[in-house]
Amino acid sequence: MSETPPDRLSNDPVSPFYDEAVLNRGIGIRFNGQERNNVEEYCVSEGWIRTAVGRSLDRRGQPMTVKVKGVVEPFFKTPAAE
């Protein structure tokens, strides 16, 4: 596994950008210089994150999200296992 986080990642198993191995390793997001822990999906190259809006759900039972633009810096919380 690479030492750099992927450009785009989602924690929704239905998404094509879902990667269980990366999520199990633990990934953190720094957004506009502040660490966030409620990020549902992010894209570094496009500069946005998707975050849940309160406790509301959409018609499929997934949390309602909003896309926020800014500087996205993903990082691994734990070092890679040998």
N, C-alpha and C. Protein backbone atom coordinates (compact mmCIF):
# COMPACT_ATOMS: atom_id res chain seq x y z
N MET A 1 0.84 -1.18 0.00
CA MET A 1 0.00 0.00 0.00
C MET A 1 0.89 1.24 0.00
N SER A 2 0.47 2.23 -0.69
CA SER A 2 1.22 3.47 -0.84
C SER A 2 1.19 4.29 0.45
N GLU A 3 2.17 5.16 0.61
CA GLU A 3 2.23 6.03 1.79
C GLU A 3 1.41 7.30 1.61
N THR A 4 0.91 7.54 0.40
CA THR A 4 0.07 8.71 0.17
C THR A 4 -1.38 8.27 0.07
N PRO A 5 -2.28 8.99 0.70
CA PRO A 5 -3.71 8.65 0.62
C PRO A 5 -4.23 8.85 -0.80
N PRO A 6 -5.32 8.18 -1.17
CA PRO A 6 -5.86 8.33 -2.51
C PRO A 6 -6.40 9.75 -2.75
N ASP A 7 -6.47 10.14 -4.02
CA ASP A 7 -6.98 11.46 -4.39
C ASP A 7 -8.44 11.62 -4.01
N ARG A 8 -9.21 10.54 -4.13
CA ARG A 8 -10.63 10.61 -3.80
C ARG A 8 -11.01 9.34 -3.03
N LEU A 9 -11.80 9.51 -1.98
CA LEU A 9 -12.18 8.39 -1.14
C LEU A 9 -13.56 8.64 -0.55
N SER A 10 -14.35 7.56 -0.45
CA SER A 10 -15.69 7.63 0.12
C SER A 10 -15.84 6.52 1.15
N ASN A 11 -16.67 6.76 2.17
CA ASN A 11 -16.92 5.70 3.15
C ASN A 11 -18.24 4.99 2.90
N ASP A 12 -18.86 5.23 1.74
CA ASP A 12 -20.09 4.56 1.34
C ASP A 12 -19.74 3.33 0.49
N PRO A 13 -20.08 2.11 0.94
CA PRO A 13 -19.71 0.89 0.20
C PRO A 13 -20.27 0.82 -1.22
N VAL A 14 -21.29 1.57 -1.54
CA VAL A 14 -21.88 1.55 -2.88
C VAL A 14 -21.05 2.40 -3.86
N SER A 15 -20.30 3.34 -3.35
CA SER A 15 -19.53 4.27 -4.18
C SER A 15 -18.37 3.56 -4.88
N PRO A 16 -18.03 3.98 -6.10
CA PRO A 16 -16.86 3.40 -6.78
C PRO A 16 -15.54 3.86 -6.15
N PHE A 17 -15.58 4.86 -5.28
CA PHE A 17 -14.37 5.38 -4.63
C PHE A 17 -14.18 4.82 -3.23
N TYR A 18 -14.92 3.78 -2.88
CA TYR A 18 -14.81 3.12 -1.58
C TYR A 18 -13.61 2.19 -1.60
N ASP A 19 -12.77 2.25 -0.56
CA ASP A 19 -11.61 1.37 -0.45
C ASP A 19 -11.48 0.93 1.01
N GLU A 20 -11.90 -0.29 1.29
CA GLU A 20 -11.96 -0.78 2.67
C GLU A 20 -10.57 -0.85 3.31
N ALA A 21 -9.55 -1.23 2.55
CA ALA A 21 -8.20 -1.35 3.11
C ALA A 21 -7.70 0.00 3.62
N VAL A 22 -7.93 1.06 2.86
CA VAL A 22 -7.50 2.39 3.27
C VAL A 22 -8.29 2.86 4.49
N LEU A 23 -9.59 2.62 4.50
CA LEU A 23 -10.42 3.03 5.62
C LEU A 23 -10.06 2.28 6.90
N ASN A 24 -9.71 1.00 6.78
CA ASN A 24 -9.30 0.22 7.95
C ASN A 24 -7.98 0.72 8.53
N ARG A 25 -7.12 1.22 7.68
CA ARG A 25 -5.84 1.77 8.15
C ARG A 25 -6.05 3.04 8.95
N GLY A 26 -7.08 3.77 8.63
CA GLY A 26 -7.39 5.01 9.35
C GLY A 26 -6.90 6.21 8.58
N ILE A 27 -7.81 7.06 8.19
CA ILE A 27 -7.44 8.25 7.42
C ILE A 27 -8.06 9.47 8.08
N GLY A 28 -7.29 10.54 8.14
CA GLY A 28 -7.77 11.79 8.71
C GLY A 28 -7.82 12.85 7.62
N ILE A 29 -8.63 13.86 7.83
CA ILE A 29 -8.78 14.93 6.84
C ILE A 29 -8.53 16.26 7.52
N ARG A 30 -7.64 17.05 6.95
CA ARG A 30 -7.45 18.43 7.37
C ARG A 30 -8.09 19.29 6.29
N PHE A 31 -9.11 20.05 6.65
CA PHE A 31 -9.85 20.86 5.69
C PHE A 31 -9.68 22.33 6.07
N ASN A 32 -9.09 23.10 5.18
CA ASN A 32 -8.77 24.52 5.43
C ASN A 32 -8.01 24.70 6.75
N GLY A 33 -7.07 23.77 7.01
CA GLY A 33 -6.22 23.87 8.18
C GLY A 33 -6.80 23.33 9.47
N GLN A 34 -8.03 22.85 9.44
CA GLN A 34 -8.69 22.33 10.64
C GLN A 34 -9.00 20.85 10.44
N GLU A 35 -8.68 20.02 11.44
CA GLU A 35 -8.94 18.59 11.33
C GLU A 35 -10.43 18.32 11.48
N ARG A 36 -10.98 17.53 10.54
CA ARG A 36 -12.41 17.21 10.54
C ARG A 36 -12.59 15.72 10.74
N ASN A 37 -13.62 15.32 11.48
CA ASN A 37 -13.87 13.91 11.70
C ASN A 37 -15.25 13.48 11.21
N ASN A 38 -15.97 14.35 10.50
CA ASN A 38 -17.30 14.02 10.00
C ASN A 38 -17.38 14.04 8.48
N VAL A 39 -16.29 13.69 7.81
CA VAL A 39 -16.22 13.72 6.35
C VAL A 39 -16.73 12.39 5.78
N GLU A 40 -17.70 12.47 4.88
CA GLU A 40 -18.25 11.27 4.23
C GLU A 40 -17.45 10.91 2.98
N GLU A 41 -16.97 11.92 2.25
CA GLU A 41 -16.22 11.71 1.01
C GLU A 41 -15.36 12.94 0.78
N TYR A 42 -14.21 12.75 0.09
CA TYR A 42 -13.37 13.90 -0.23
C TYR A 42 -12.74 13.72 -1.59
N CYS A 43 -12.29 14.83 -2.18
CA CYS A 43 -11.53 14.82 -3.43
C CYS A 43 -10.48 15.92 -3.33
N VAL A 44 -9.20 15.53 -3.36
CA VAL A 44 -8.12 16.49 -3.22
C VAL A 44 -7.97 17.33 -4.48
N SER A 45 -7.98 16.70 -5.67
CA SER A 45 -7.74 17.42 -6.91
C SER A 45 -8.82 18.45 -7.22
N GLU A 46 -10.06 18.17 -6.84
CA GLU A 46 -11.14 19.12 -7.07
C GLU A 46 -11.35 20.05 -5.88
N GLY A 47 -10.76 19.74 -4.73
CA GLY A 47 -10.81 20.60 -3.56
C GLY A 47 -12.15 20.68 -2.87
N TRP A 48 -12.74 19.52 -2.52
CA TRP A 48 -14.02 19.53 -1.80
C TRP A 48 -14.13 18.34 -0.87
N ILE A 49 -15.02 18.49 0.12
CA ILE A 49 -15.40 17.39 1.00
C ILE A 49 -16.91 17.32 1.04
N ARG A 50 -17.44 16.16 1.37
CA ARG A 50 -18.87 15.97 1.61
C ARG A 50 -19.03 15.64 3.07
N THR A 51 -19.88 16.38 3.74
CA THR A 51 -20.08 16.18 5.16
C THR A 51 -21.57 16.10 5.48
N ALA A 52 -21.90 15.34 6.51
CA ALA A 52 -23.31 15.14 6.88
C ALA A 52 -23.92 16.44 7.40
N VAL A 53 -25.22 16.61 7.12
CA VAL A 53 -25.96 17.77 7.58
C VAL A 53 -26.92 17.31 8.66
N GLY A 54 -26.56 17.53 9.90
CA GLY A 54 -27.42 17.14 11.00
C GLY A 54 -27.69 15.64 11.02
N ARG A 55 -28.92 15.30 11.41
CA ARG A 55 -29.30 13.88 11.49
C ARG A 55 -30.31 13.50 10.41
N SER A 56 -30.54 14.39 9.44
CA SER A 56 -31.51 14.10 8.38
C SER A 56 -31.03 13.01 7.45
N LEU A 57 -31.98 12.24 6.92
CA LEU A 57 -31.68 11.16 5.99
C LEU A 57 -32.37 11.42 4.66
N ASP A 58 -31.76 10.92 3.58
CA ASP A 58 -32.40 11.04 2.28
C ASP A 58 -33.39 9.88 2.09
N ARG A 59 -33.97 9.78 0.92
CA ARG A 59 -35.00 8.76 0.70
C ARG A 59 -34.46 7.34 0.69
N ARG A 60 -33.16 7.18 0.58
CA ARG A 60 -32.54 5.85 0.62
C ARG A 60 -32.01 5.49 2.00
N GLY A 61 -32.21 6.37 2.98
CA GLY A 61 -31.77 6.12 4.34
C GLY A 61 -30.33 6.52 4.61
N GLN A 62 -29.69 7.18 3.65
CA GLN A 62 -28.32 7.67 3.82
C GLN A 62 -28.35 9.09 4.39
N PRO A 63 -27.31 9.50 5.12
CA PRO A 63 -27.30 10.86 5.66
C PRO A 63 -27.29 11.91 4.55
N MET A 64 -28.02 13.00 4.77
CA MET A 64 -28.00 14.12 3.83
C MET A 64 -26.63 14.77 3.93
N THR A 65 -26.04 15.11 2.79
CA THR A 65 -24.70 15.69 2.79
C THR A 65 -24.68 17.00 2.04
N VAL A 66 -23.65 17.77 2.31
CA VAL A 66 -23.41 19.03 1.62
C VAL A 66 -21.95 19.02 1.16
N LYS A 67 -21.71 19.56 -0.03
CA LYS A 67 -20.36 19.63 -0.57
C LYS A 67 -19.79 21.01 -0.22
N VAL A 68 -18.60 21.01 0.40
CA VAL A 68 -17.94 22.24 0.80
C VAL A 68 -16.59 22.31 0.11
N LYS A 69 -16.29 23.44 -0.52
CA LYS A 69 -15.03 23.59 -1.25
C LYS A 69 -13.98 24.26 -0.37
N GLY A 70 -12.74 23.82 -0.54
CA GLY A 70 -11.62 24.38 0.21
C GLY A 70 -10.37 23.54 -0.01
N VAL A 71 -9.39 23.73 0.84
CA VAL A 71 -8.12 23.00 0.76
C VAL A 71 -8.25 21.70 1.55
N VAL A 72 -8.06 20.56 0.86
CA VAL A 72 -8.21 19.24 1.47
C VAL A 72 -6.84 18.58 1.59
N GLU A 73 -6.50 18.14 2.81
CA GLU A 73 -5.22 17.46 3.07
C GLU A 73 -5.49 16.15 3.80
N PRO A 74 -5.55 15.02 3.09
CA PRO A 74 -5.73 13.72 3.76
C PRO A 74 -4.39 13.22 4.32
N PHE A 75 -4.47 12.44 5.40
CA PHE A 75 -3.28 11.85 6.00
C PHE A 75 -3.68 10.53 6.67
N PHE A 76 -2.70 9.62 6.78
CA PHE A 76 -2.94 8.35 7.45
C PHE A 76 -2.73 8.55 8.94
N LYS A 77 -3.62 7.99 9.75
CA LYS A 77 -3.50 8.11 11.20
C LYS A 77 -2.52 7.10 11.78
N THR A 78 -2.36 5.95 11.12
CA THR A 78 -1.43 4.93 11.59
C THR A 78 -0.41 4.63 10.49
N PRO A 79 0.82 4.27 10.84
CA PRO A 79 1.81 3.92 9.82
C PRO A 79 1.47 2.60 9.14
N ALA A 80 2.00 2.42 7.95
CA ALA A 80 1.74 1.21 7.18
C ALA A 80 2.36 -0.01 7.87
N ALA A 81 1.62 -1.12 7.86
CA ALA A 81 2.14 -2.38 8.42
C ALA A 81 3.09 -3.00 7.41
N GLU A 82 4.15 -3.56 7.89
CA GLU A 82 5.14 -4.18 7.00
C GLU A 82 4.67 -5.48 6.47
